[in-house]
Amino acid sequence: MTRRRQRVLAGTTLVSLALLAAGCGTAGKIATSSEPSSSAAPSSPGSSSAGEDPTDPAPEADLDLALSEPAEDSYYPEVGDPSVDALRYDLDLTWDPATDTLTGTETLTFRSTGTAEEFQLDFAEPLEITSLTLDGAEVDHEHRGKDLIVSAPVEEDARHELVVEYSGTPAPVPAPTERSDLATTGFTIDAEHQTWTMQEPFGAYTWYAVNDQPADKALYDFTLHVPDPWTGVANGAKVSDETADGTHTTAFHLAEPAAAYLVTLAFGDYRETTDVGPNGVPITYWTPRDMEPGSGLRYSPEAMAWLETYLGPYPFDTAGILVVDSESGMETQTMITLGDTEYSMAENTVVHEFAHQWYGDQVTPDDWRDVWMNEGMAMYLQLMWEAEQSDVPLDSYLEGYAGYESDYRAQSGPPADYDPDAFGSSNVYFSGAFFWHALREQVGDEVFFAAVKGWPQSQDNRSTDRETLLAYLEDQTGEDLDVLWDAWLLGDTSPELP
């Protein structure tokens, strides 16, 4: 997620660094891309990168890719159900901007993690269920608040298919945060009746029935209908695009499992622009019809190439950026969601959100107490990039933020033990980034970057916890990291930068 920063640095040199932090640096591009092509009209599906075609639907056996170990979240236990392991969501959604009505047919394939007489999903009450079946038979259910309780027996490790038909006007829900750009999460309708979603740490349940927790990853297929010339956009590869009888229908397939908070959905009047990233990865920019992708968005191939030098090959088959009517940004998997502000679409923000494709998307925390595992690394890489663009030593660049990191920690708690009502505060970004820098200084560049590159690959498409990360880092570095870990991640006061 993008963190809006104040220009906190002082002095002539540091003021210039603050301008860079706001996205003003342009020097040092290290890769080139083909000239993007632009089209305001629907286009045919794009080409895929080498290897398996990302547009192919997952065979039934491939649902094993999405096997997860859901657990009750320690920070937001009221959301998500550890008894459900979602494997695949197939969402057929129609948006009517004339009435602000979303109509959906959802087919959820899931594994029951235990034997029980009922199971539960998250599903917001403004949406009304018109039909619900389990394995082809109608079953009793209760829709109470955000809880959908299905009264049907399930057995441990058995797989089931739940089909839910519903309609209504979705509404976002309050977010557990003090951030002005993140006051609500979930399905949002703008003044022109266009829609978009950002849903970290939760809020996917505002528009479909879901196990809305980071520990449960699933595959996704979307079929989206909206009056022409508007377009529906979601994660993954676009597999079809057609218009008939005044309705524009697009379909998207996400070939790698994703947590619910990493899913994006938008309906609006969009322009589609294509580009090519490293190793031929297709990139798609979805911008409002009257907006050409600017230099920040078009920096995506260079951002991906720069990140690959530290993190290894881009982990997915497709990439893209979706621009929406927001002031924030979100690392939604394969299709980053950015607000239509200068800050959100700046080059440094693009670097940050693409860094999350490795740290956050390829490997995801299984509990919201560990959001620092995502944000700390994405912010550290962003700060590295900013320092490099300004030709200023990284140590000097970080010193400009040291005092403010201490303030952030005091305001919201240490990054691995933060205030649950202050989700997404600056402490998890900057204190987390400083932890990574302290680790780098302790073990040296060669060992550090080998470990940083190897971590997402070792946990490919999984959700995991801090204990696993600590064990991995100690194994890779050959050092006992308890003192460093506790001081930077759990301490009430900030250690001195090494």
Protein backbone atom coordinates (compact mmCIF):
# COMPACT_ATOMS: atom_id res chain seq x y z
CA MET A 1 0.00 0.00 0.00
CA THR A 2 1.14 3.52 -0.75
CA ARG A 3 2.03 5.60 2.28
CA ARG A 4 1.53 9.35 1.80
CA ARG A 5 4.52 11.13 3.32
CA GLN A 6 4.98 14.67 4.51
CA ARG A 7 8.12 16.45 3.34
CA VAL A 8 9.92 16.03 6.58
CA LEU A 9 13.55 16.72 5.72
CA ALA A 10 15.38 19.98 6.33
CA GLY A 11 18.42 21.70 4.82
CA THR A 12 19.22 22.43 1.18
CA THR A 13 20.30 18.89 0.27
CA LEU A 14 17.57 17.24 2.31
CA VAL A 15 14.85 19.45 0.85
CA SER A 16 15.88 18.25 -2.60
CA LEU A 17 15.64 14.68 -1.31
CA ALA A 18 12.14 15.36 -0.05
CA LEU A 19 11.17 16.52 -3.52
CA LEU A 20 12.53 13.24 -4.85
CA ALA A 21 10.50 11.39 -2.23
CA ALA A 22 7.43 13.10 -3.63
CA GLY A 23 8.21 11.62 -7.02
CA CYS A 24 10.24 14.35 -8.73
CA GLY A 25 13.36 12.28 -9.55
CA THR A 26 13.70 11.07 -13.13
CA ALA A 27 17.38 10.25 -13.62
CA GLY A 28 19.01 6.88 -13.87
CA LYS A 29 16.50 4.83 -15.83
CA ILE A 30 18.13 1.46 -16.35
CA ALA A 31 15.87 -0.34 -18.82
CA THR A 32 13.91 0.42 -21.93
CA SER A 33 10.52 -0.78 -23.11
CA SER A 34 8.68 -0.82 -26.35
CA GLU A 35 6.64 2.28 -27.09
CA PRO A 36 3.24 1.75 -25.46
CA SER A 37 0.21 1.51 -27.71
CA SER A 38 -3.02 3.14 -26.62
CA SER A 39 -6.64 2.45 -27.36
CA ALA A 40 -9.81 3.93 -25.93
CA ALA A 41 -11.85 1.10 -27.39
CA PRO A 42 -11.99 -2.53 -26.26
CA SER A 43 -9.08 -4.62 -27.49
CA SER A 44 -8.43 -8.27 -28.04
CA PRO A 45 -6.62 -10.23 -25.35
CA GLY A 46 -2.91 -9.44 -25.18
CA SER A 47 -0.04 -11.82 -25.61
CA SER A 48 1.44 -13.63 -22.65
CA SER A 49 4.97 -14.09 -21.43
CA ALA A 50 6.94 -17.16 -22.28
CA GLY A 51 5.82 -20.40 -20.66
CA GLU A 52 2.35 -21.38 -19.55
CA ASP A 53 -0.41 -19.27 -21.07
CA PRO A 54 -1.79 -17.08 -18.25
CA THR A 55 -5.21 -17.03 -19.94
CA ASP A 56 -5.75 -20.78 -19.54
CA PRO A 57 -8.33 -21.62 -16.83
CA ALA A 58 -6.90 -23.69 -14.01
CA PRO A 59 -7.45 -27.44 -14.39
CA GLU A 60 -9.23 -28.98 -11.43
CA ALA A 61 -6.00 -30.53 -10.14
CA ASP A 62 -4.38 -27.11 -10.08
CA LEU A 63 -6.71 -26.05 -7.29
CA ASP A 64 -4.08 -27.61 -5.04
CA LEU A 65 -2.02 -24.49 -5.80
CA ALA A 66 -4.45 -22.61 -3.56
CA LEU A 67 -4.34 -24.91 -0.54
CA SER A 68 -3.90 -22.71 2.53
CA GLU A 69 -3.84 -22.96 6.30
CA PRO A 70 -6.38 -20.32 7.42
CA ALA A 71 -6.16 -19.19 11.03
CA GLU A 72 -7.97 -16.68 13.20
CA ASP A 73 -6.31 -13.30 12.75
CA SER A 74 -4.81 -11.96 15.97
CA TYR A 75 -5.59 -8.34 15.07
CA TYR A 76 -8.98 -8.60 13.36
CA PRO A 77 -10.46 -11.93 14.54
CA GLU A 78 -14.01 -10.90 13.63
CA VAL A 79 -13.15 -11.17 9.93
CA GLY A 80 -12.45 -14.51 8.24
CA ASP A 81 -13.19 -18.09 9.26
CA PRO A 82 -10.37 -20.63 9.74
CA SER A 83 -12.78 -23.49 8.95
CA VAL A 84 -12.89 -22.46 5.26
CA ASP A 85 -9.99 -22.83 2.82
CA ALA A 86 -11.12 -21.08 -0.37
CA LEU A 87 -9.58 -22.60 -3.50
CA ARG A 88 -11.25 -20.74 -6.36
CA TYR A 89 -13.69 -17.85 -6.71
CA ASP A 90 -15.53 -17.63 -10.02
CA LEU A 91 -17.29 -14.25 -10.03
CA ASP A 92 -19.83 -13.29 -12.70
CA LEU A 93 -20.71 -9.66 -11.95
CA THR A 94 -22.94 -7.08 -13.62
CA TRP A 95 -22.82 -3.38 -12.75
CA ASP A 96 -25.78 -1.13 -13.57
CA PRO A 97 -24.67 2.51 -13.13
CA ALA A 98 -28.23 3.76 -13.68
CA THR A 99 -29.39 2.13 -10.43
CA ASP A 100 -26.06 1.54 -8.65
CA THR A 101 -26.88 -2.16 -8.56
CA LEU A 102 -24.36 -4.99 -8.51
CA THR A 103 -25.76 -8.36 -9.54
CA GLY A 104 -23.57 -11.39 -9.00
CA THR A 105 -23.32 -15.13 -9.36
CA GLU A 106 -20.43 -16.49 -7.33
CA THR A 107 -19.15 -20.04 -7.52
CA LEU A 108 -16.78 -20.79 -4.65
CA THR A 109 -14.82 -24.02 -4.54
CA PHE A 110 -13.48 -24.58 -1.03
CA ARG A 111 -11.99 -27.14 1.31
CA SER A 112 -13.38 -27.62 4.78
CA THR A 113 -10.52 -27.59 7.29
CA GLY A 114 -12.59 -29.50 9.86
CA THR A 115 -15.80 -31.42 10.44
CA ALA A 116 -18.70 -29.15 11.39
CA GLU A 117 -22.46 -28.69 11.11
CA GLU A 118 -22.09 -25.23 9.55
CA PHE A 119 -19.53 -22.84 8.13
CA GLN A 120 -19.27 -19.09 7.74
CA LEU A 121 -18.15 -16.53 5.16
CA ASP A 122 -17.87 -12.75 5.23
CA PHE A 123 -20.57 -11.03 3.16
CA ALA A 124 -21.95 -7.52 3.68
CA GLU A 125 -25.65 -7.20 4.46
CA PRO A 126 -26.52 -4.49 1.88
CA LEU A 127 -26.26 -7.29 -0.68
CA GLU A 128 -29.29 -9.59 -0.73
CA ILE A 129 -28.99 -13.29 -1.49
CA THR A 130 -31.55 -14.60 -3.98
CA SER A 131 -30.25 -18.18 -4.19
CA LEU A 132 -27.68 -20.32 -2.38
CA THR A 133 -26.74 -23.92 -3.12
CA LEU A 134 -24.06 -26.25 -1.80
CA ASP A 135 -22.97 -29.04 -4.13
CA GLY A 136 -26.07 -28.44 -6.23
CA ALA A 137 -28.64 -28.55 -3.42
CA GLU A 138 -30.38 -25.65 -1.71
CA VAL A 139 -29.36 -25.32 1.93
CA ASP A 140 -30.46 -23.20 4.85
CA HIS A 141 -28.45 -20.09 5.54
CA GLU A 142 -28.56 -16.98 7.69
CA HIS A 143 -27.28 -13.58 6.61
CA ARG A 144 -26.61 -11.49 9.70
CA GLY A 145 -24.60 -8.27 9.50
CA LYS A 146 -21.36 -9.18 7.72
CA ASP A 147 -21.72 -12.90 8.48
CA LEU A 148 -23.13 -15.46 6.06
CA ILE A 149 -23.73 -18.68 8.01
CA VAL A 150 -24.43 -21.77 5.91
CA SER A 151 -26.22 -24.53 7.83
CA ALA A 152 -24.86 -27.64 6.14
CA PRO A 153 -22.56 -30.37 7.44
CA VAL A 154 -19.02 -30.49 6.08
CA GLU A 155 -16.23 -32.96 6.74
CA GLU A 156 -12.54 -32.32 7.21
CA ASP A 157 -10.62 -32.00 3.94
CA ALA A 158 -13.77 -32.47 1.84
CA ARG A 159 -14.14 -30.11 -1.13
CA HIS A 160 -17.41 -28.37 -1.87
CA GLU A 161 -18.94 -25.98 -4.38
CA LEU A 162 -21.02 -23.09 -3.06
CA VAL A 163 -23.06 -21.03 -5.52
CA VAL A 164 -24.45 -17.69 -4.33
CA GLU A 165 -26.68 -15.42 -6.40
CA TYR A 166 -27.13 -11.90 -5.06
CA SER A 167 -27.77 -8.26 -5.86
CA GLY A 168 -27.83 -4.85 -4.24
CA THR A 169 -25.92 -1.62 -3.78
CA PRO A 170 -22.57 -2.32 -2.11
CA ALA A 171 -21.11 0.14 0.38
CA PRO A 172 -17.60 0.47 1.81
CA VAL A 173 -16.93 -0.21 5.49
CA PRO A 174 -14.93 1.78 8.06
CA ALA A 175 -11.22 0.95 8.12
CA PRO A 176 -9.32 0.47 11.42
CA THR A 177 -6.98 3.36 10.72
CA GLU A 178 -6.22 7.01 11.38
CA ARG A 179 -5.27 7.67 7.74
CA SER A 180 -7.41 10.13 5.80
CA ASP A 181 -6.76 8.34 2.50
CA LEU A 182 -7.94 5.02 3.94
CA ALA A 183 -11.02 5.93 5.97
CA THR A 184 -13.10 3.20 4.34
CA THR A 185 -12.35 0.01 2.44
CA GLY A 186 -14.22 -2.13 -0.05
CA PHE A 187 -16.55 -1.42 -2.95
CA THR A 188 -16.73 2.33 -3.60
CA ILE A 189 -19.05 4.22 -5.96
CA ASP A 190 -17.95 7.65 -7.18
CA ALA A 191 -20.06 10.65 -8.19
CA GLU A 192 -20.23 9.41 -11.79
CA HIS A 193 -21.40 5.95 -10.65
CA GLN A 194 -18.09 4.36 -11.57
CA THR A 195 -16.73 1.89 -9.03
CA TRP A 196 -13.44 0.69 -7.58
CA THR A 197 -12.14 -1.31 -4.65
CA MET A 198 -9.28 -1.16 -2.15
CA GLN A 199 -9.67 -3.59 0.75
CA GLU A 200 -6.69 -3.78 3.06
CA PRO A 201 -6.91 -5.13 5.74
CA PHE A 202 -10.46 -6.23 4.84
CA GLY A 203 -13.44 -5.14 2.77
CA ALA A 204 -13.61 -7.68 -0.05
CA TYR A 205 -16.77 -8.90 1.67
CA THR A 206 -18.54 -5.72 0.58
CA TRP A 207 -18.98 -7.18 -2.91
CA TYR A 208 -18.72 -10.99 -2.73
CA ALA A 209 -18.91 -13.81 -0.16
CA VAL A 210 -15.33 -14.43 0.91
CA ASN A 211 -13.00 -15.71 3.57
CA ASP A 212 -11.58 -12.22 4.05
CA GLN A 213 -8.28 -12.94 5.77
CA PRO A 214 -4.67 -12.87 4.53
CA ALA A 215 -3.97 -16.50 5.50
CA ASP A 216 -6.34 -17.84 2.83
CA LYS A 217 -5.25 -17.53 -0.81
CA ALA A 218 -7.39 -18.59 -3.77
CA LEU A 219 -7.49 -18.56 -7.56
CA TYR A 220 -9.85 -16.11 -9.28
CA ASP A 221 -11.88 -15.89 -12.47
CA PHE A 222 -13.96 -12.81 -13.29
CA THR A 223 -16.65 -12.25 -15.91
CA LEU A 224 -17.66 -8.59 -15.83
CA HIS A 225 -20.64 -6.95 -17.56
CA VAL A 226 -21.30 -3.21 -17.84
CA PRO A 227 -23.07 -0.91 -20.34
CA ASP A 228 -20.85 -0.10 -23.32
CA PRO A 229 -18.52 1.85 -23.63
CA TRP A 230 -17.60 1.27 -19.99
CA THR A 231 -15.30 -1.60 -19.04
CA GLY A 232 -14.95 -3.98 -16.10
CA VAL A 233 -11.36 -4.52 -14.92
CA ALA A 234 -9.90 -7.06 -12.48
CA ASN A 235 -6.69 -8.95 -11.68
CA GLY A 236 -4.83 -11.26 -14.00
CA ALA A 237 -4.85 -11.83 -17.74
CA LYS A 238 -7.74 -10.60 -19.86
CA VAL A 239 -9.12 -13.73 -21.52
CA SER A 240 -12.03 -12.27 -23.49
CA ASP A 241 -13.45 -8.91 -24.51
CA GLU A 242 -16.69 -8.51 -26.45
CA THR A 243 -19.65 -6.20 -26.87
CA ALA A 244 -23.18 -7.34 -27.66
CA ASP A 245 -26.57 -5.63 -27.37
CA GLY A 246 -25.05 -2.61 -25.67
CA THR A 247 -23.25 -4.62 -22.97
CA HIS A 248 -19.46 -4.78 -22.74
CA THR A 249 -18.23 -8.05 -21.24
CA THR A 250 -14.64 -8.69 -20.17
CA ALA A 251 -13.20 -11.76 -18.48
CA PHE A 252 -10.02 -12.05 -16.42
CA HIS A 253 -8.13 -15.07 -15.07
CA LEU A 254 -5.70 -14.90 -12.14
CA ALA A 255 -3.43 -17.93 -12.49
CA GLU A 256 -1.70 -17.61 -9.10
CA PRO A 257 -3.51 -17.70 -5.74
CA ALA A 258 -4.14 -14.35 -4.05
CA ALA A 259 -5.37 -13.20 -0.66
CA ALA A 260 -8.70 -11.36 -0.73
CA TYR A 261 -7.14 -7.99 0.09
CA LEU A 262 -5.02 -8.25 -3.07
CA VAL A 263 -8.03 -8.48 -5.39
CA THR A 264 -9.16 -5.45 -7.40
CA LEU A 265 -12.36 -4.67 -9.29
CA ALA A 266 -13.47 -1.57 -11.18
CA PHE A 267 -16.24 -0.58 -13.55
CA GLY A 268 -15.83 2.65 -15.49
CA ASP A 269 -15.04 4.50 -18.69
CA TYR A 270 -11.49 3.26 -19.22
CA ARG A 271 -8.74 3.57 -21.81
CA GLU A 272 -6.51 0.51 -22.26
CA THR A 273 -2.81 1.03 -22.99
CA THR A 274 -0.36 -1.82 -23.42
CA ASP A 275 3.35 -2.03 -22.71
CA VAL A 276 6.04 -4.70 -22.31
CA GLY A 277 8.12 -5.36 -19.22
CA PRO A 278 11.25 -7.42 -18.56
CA ASN A 279 11.33 -10.84 -20.22
CA GLY A 280 8.33 -9.95 -22.34
CA VAL A 281 5.85 -9.67 -19.46
CA PRO A 282 2.74 -7.90 -20.83
CA ILE A 283 1.77 -4.71 -18.97
CA THR A 284 -1.65 -3.04 -19.21
CA TYR A 285 -2.49 0.45 -17.98
CA TRP A 286 -6.19 1.15 -17.38
CA THR A 287 -6.74 4.91 -17.10
CA PRO A 288 -9.82 7.14 -17.37
CA ARG A 289 -10.67 7.56 -21.06
CA ASP A 290 -9.46 11.18 -21.11
CA MET A 291 -6.14 10.34 -19.39
CA GLU A 292 -3.01 9.16 -21.18
CA PRO A 293 -0.67 7.13 -18.95
CA GLY A 294 1.90 9.60 -17.63
CA SER A 295 5.61 9.17 -17.03
CA GLY A 296 5.04 7.58 -13.62
CA LEU A 297 2.90 4.76 -14.96
CA ARG A 298 5.12 4.33 -18.00
CA TYR A 299 8.08 3.92 -15.68
CA SER A 300 6.70 0.45 -14.85
CA PRO A 301 9.10 -1.54 -17.10
CA GLU A 302 12.10 0.30 -15.63
CA ALA A 303 10.77 -0.16 -12.09
CA MET A 304 10.31 -3.88 -12.66
CA ALA A 305 13.80 -4.23 -14.15
CA TRP A 306 15.39 -2.31 -11.27
CA LEU A 307 13.59 -4.47 -8.72
CA GLU A 308 14.58 -7.67 -10.51
CA THR A 309 18.24 -6.91 -9.79
CA TYR A 310 17.48 -7.29 -6.07
CA LEU A 311 14.50 -9.65 -5.99
CA GLY A 312 14.87 -11.92 -9.00
CA PRO A 313 12.45 -12.36 -11.91
CA TYR A 314 9.03 -10.73 -11.68
CA PRO A 315 6.89 -13.47 -10.09
CA PHE A 316 3.74 -13.34 -12.24
CA ASP A 317 2.72 -13.76 -15.89
CA THR A 318 1.13 -10.32 -16.31
CA ALA A 319 1.41 -6.84 -14.82
CA GLY A 320 -0.65 -3.68 -14.90
CA ILE A 321 -1.88 -0.53 -13.23
CA LEU A 322 -5.50 0.49 -12.75
CA VAL A 323 -6.15 4.19 -12.02
CA VAL A 324 -9.19 4.99 -9.86
CA ASP A 325 -10.80 7.93 -8.06
CA SER A 326 -8.81 7.61 -4.83
CA GLU A 327 -5.95 9.29 -2.96
CA SER A 328 -4.23 6.04 -2.06
CA GLY A 329 -2.61 3.09 -3.80
CA MET A 330 -2.67 -0.66 -3.39
CA GLU A 331 -0.43 -3.54 -4.48
CA THR A 332 -3.31 -5.60 -5.84
CA GLN A 333 -1.83 -8.72 -7.39
CA THR A 334 -0.69 -8.34 -11.03
CA MET A 335 -2.94 -5.25 -11.42
CA ILE A 336 -1.81 -2.45 -9.10
CA THR A 337 -4.57 -0.01 -8.10
CA LEU A 338 -3.51 3.66 -7.88
CA GLY A 339 -5.43 6.81 -7.07
CA ASP A 340 -5.56 9.50 -9.74
CA THR A 341 -3.28 11.92 -7.88
CA GLU A 342 0.19 13.15 -8.79
CA TYR A 343 1.62 11.51 -5.69
CA SER A 344 -0.05 8.13 -6.22
CA MET A 345 1.07 7.95 -9.86
CA ALA A 346 4.66 9.11 -9.23
CA GLU A 347 7.63 6.94 -10.15
CA ASN A 348 8.61 6.22 -6.55
CA THR A 349 5.08 5.01 -5.78
CA VAL A 350 5.22 2.74 -8.82
CA VAL A 351 8.50 1.29 -7.51
CA HIS A 352 6.93 0.77 -4.08
CA GLU A 353 3.84 -1.02 -5.37
CA PHE A 354 5.77 -3.20 -7.79
CA ALA A 355 8.11 -4.18 -4.92
CA HIS A 356 5.02 -5.56 -3.22
CA GLN A 357 4.48 -8.01 -6.06
CA TRP A 358 7.31 -9.96 -4.42
CA TYR A 359 6.93 -8.83 -0.79
CA GLY A 360 3.20 -8.95 -0.12
CA ASP A 361 1.81 -10.81 -3.12
CA GLN A 362 4.19 -13.67 -3.94
CA VAL A 363 4.69 -14.11 -0.20
CA THR A 364 1.97 -12.76 2.09
CA PRO A 365 1.75 -12.43 5.88
CA ASP A 366 -0.79 -14.83 7.35
CA ASP A 367 -1.72 -12.40 10.13
CA TRP A 368 -2.18 -8.62 10.07
CA ARG A 369 0.25 -8.17 12.97
CA ASP A 370 2.95 -8.79 10.36
CA VAL A 371 2.04 -6.20 7.74
CA TRP A 372 5.52 -4.76 8.40
CA MET A 373 6.91 -7.77 6.49
CA ASN A 374 5.32 -6.25 3.37
CA GLU A 375 5.59 -2.55 3.97
CA GLY A 376 9.04 -2.49 5.52
CA MET A 377 10.71 -4.11 2.51
CA ALA A 378 8.68 -2.15 -0.07
CA MET A 379 9.59 1.10 1.70
CA TYR A 380 13.24 0.10 2.02
CA LEU A 381 13.48 -0.60 -1.69
CA GLN A 382 11.68 2.66 -2.43
CA LEU A 383 14.16 4.58 -0.26
CA MET A 384 17.07 2.79 -1.95
CA TRP A 385 15.68 3.81 -5.34
CA GLU A 386 15.16 7.43 -4.24
CA ALA A 387 18.69 7.69 -2.87
CA GLU A 388 20.08 6.21 -6.07
CA GLN A 389 18.10 8.63 -8.22
CA SER A 390 19.46 11.57 -6.20
CA ASP A 391 23.04 10.25 -6.18
CA VAL A 392 23.11 10.53 -2.39
CA PRO A 393 24.51 7.77 -0.13
CA LEU A 394 21.71 5.67 1.34
CA ASP A 395 22.97 6.15 4.91
CA SER A 396 22.71 9.92 4.52
CA TYR A 397 19.28 9.63 2.95
CA LEU A 398 17.95 7.48 5.80
CA GLU A 399 19.38 9.82 8.44
CA GLY A 400 16.94 12.44 7.21
CA TYR A 401 14.08 10.22 8.34
CA ALA A 402 15.56 8.86 11.58
CA GLY A 403 13.90 11.36 13.92
CA TYR A 404 10.54 10.89 12.29
CA GLU A 405 10.83 7.10 12.44
CA SER A 406 11.18 7.46 16.19
CA ASP A 407 8.07 9.65 16.32
CA TYR A 408 6.08 7.18 14.22
CA ARG A 409 7.04 4.36 16.60
CA ALA A 410 6.00 6.42 19.62
CA GLN A 411 2.65 7.34 18.05
CA SER A 412 1.55 3.92 16.78
CA GLY A 413 3.77 1.36 18.50
CA PRO A 414 6.62 -0.78 17.21
CA PRO A 415 6.08 -2.18 13.71
CA ALA A 416 5.48 -5.78 14.84
CA ASP A 417 3.25 -4.80 17.77
CA TYR A 418 1.34 -1.77 16.49
CA ASP A 419 -2.01 -0.37 17.60
CA PRO A 420 -4.75 -2.35 15.75
CA ASP A 421 -6.76 0.88 15.43
CA ALA A 422 -3.86 2.52 13.56
CA PHE A 423 -3.54 0.14 10.62
CA GLY A 424 -1.21 1.30 7.86
CA SER A 425 0.48 4.00 9.93
CA SER A 426 3.98 5.18 9.11
CA ASN A 427 5.61 2.99 11.77
CA VAL A 428 5.19 -0.23 9.77
CA TYR A 429 6.73 1.48 6.75
CA PHE A 430 9.72 3.35 8.14
CA SER A 431 10.49 1.29 11.25
CA GLY A 432 10.18 -1.83 9.11
CA ALA A 433 12.51 -0.33 6.49
CA PHE A 434 15.06 0.60 9.16
CA PHE A 435 15.01 -2.99 10.43
CA TRP A 436 16.01 -4.23 6.98
CA HIS A 437 18.78 -1.63 6.76
CA ALA A 438 20.10 -2.61 10.19
CA LEU A 439 20.13 -6.25 9.10
CA ARG A 440 22.03 -5.30 5.95
CA GLU A 441 24.64 -3.42 7.95
CA GLN A 442 25.07 -6.37 10.32
CA VAL A 443 25.48 -9.16 7.74
CA GLY A 444 26.87 -7.32 4.71
CA ASP A 445 25.49 -6.69 1.24
CA GLU A 446 26.22 -10.08 -0.34
CA VAL A 447 24.53 -12.13 2.37
CA PHE A 448 21.71 -9.62 2.81
CA PHE A 449 20.66 -9.41 -0.82
CA ALA A 450 20.92 -13.17 -1.31
CA ALA A 451 18.50 -13.62 1.59
CA VAL A 452 16.19 -10.85 0.38
CA LYS A 453 15.99 -12.39 -3.09
CA GLY A 454 15.49 -15.92 -1.78
CA TRP A 455 12.67 -15.27 0.69
CA PRO A 456 9.76 -14.76 -1.75
CA GLN A 457 10.94 -17.69 -3.86
CA SER A 458 11.14 -19.95 -0.81
CA GLN A 459 7.52 -19.16 0.08
CA ASP A 460 6.16 -18.95 -3.47
CA ASN A 461 2.43 -18.08 -3.41
CA ARG A 462 2.08 -18.81 0.30
CA SER A 463 0.99 -16.90 3.36
CA THR A 464 3.42 -17.23 6.25
CA ASP A 465 4.41 -15.79 9.62
CA ARG A 466 7.20 -13.87 11.33
CA GLU A 467 8.62 -16.97 13.00
CA THR A 468 9.20 -18.57 9.61
CA LEU A 469 10.87 -15.40 8.34
CA LEU A 470 13.16 -15.16 11.37
CA ALA A 471 14.18 -18.81 11.04
CA TYR A 472 14.86 -18.27 7.33
CA LEU A 473 16.99 -15.17 7.93
CA GLU A 474 19.02 -16.84 10.66
CA ASP A 475 19.61 -19.85 8.42
CA GLN A 476 20.66 -17.69 5.46
CA THR A 477 22.90 -15.36 7.45
CA GLY A 478 24.28 -17.89 9.92
CA GLU A 479 23.68 -15.42 12.75
CA ASP A 480 21.50 -15.20 15.85
CA LEU A 481 19.23 -12.26 15.06
CA ASP A 482 17.13 -12.17 18.24
CA VAL A 483 18.65 -8.95 19.59
CA LEU A 484 18.33 -7.08 16.29
CA TRP A 485 14.83 -8.45 15.74
CA ASP A 486 13.50 -7.52 19.17
CA ALA A 487 15.09 -4.07 19.18
CA TRP A 488 13.84 -2.90 15.79
CA LEU A 489 10.52 -4.73 15.51
CA LEU A 490 9.26 -4.98 19.10
CA GLY A 491 11.04 -2.19 20.98
CA ASP A 492 9.10 0.81 22.26
CA THR A 493 11.98 3.13 21.40
CA SER A 494 14.04 3.26 18.23
CA PRO A 495 17.61 1.98 18.22
CA GLU A 496 20.25 4.11 16.57
CA LEU A 497 20.82 3.50 12.89
CA PRO A 498 24.09 1.57 12.42
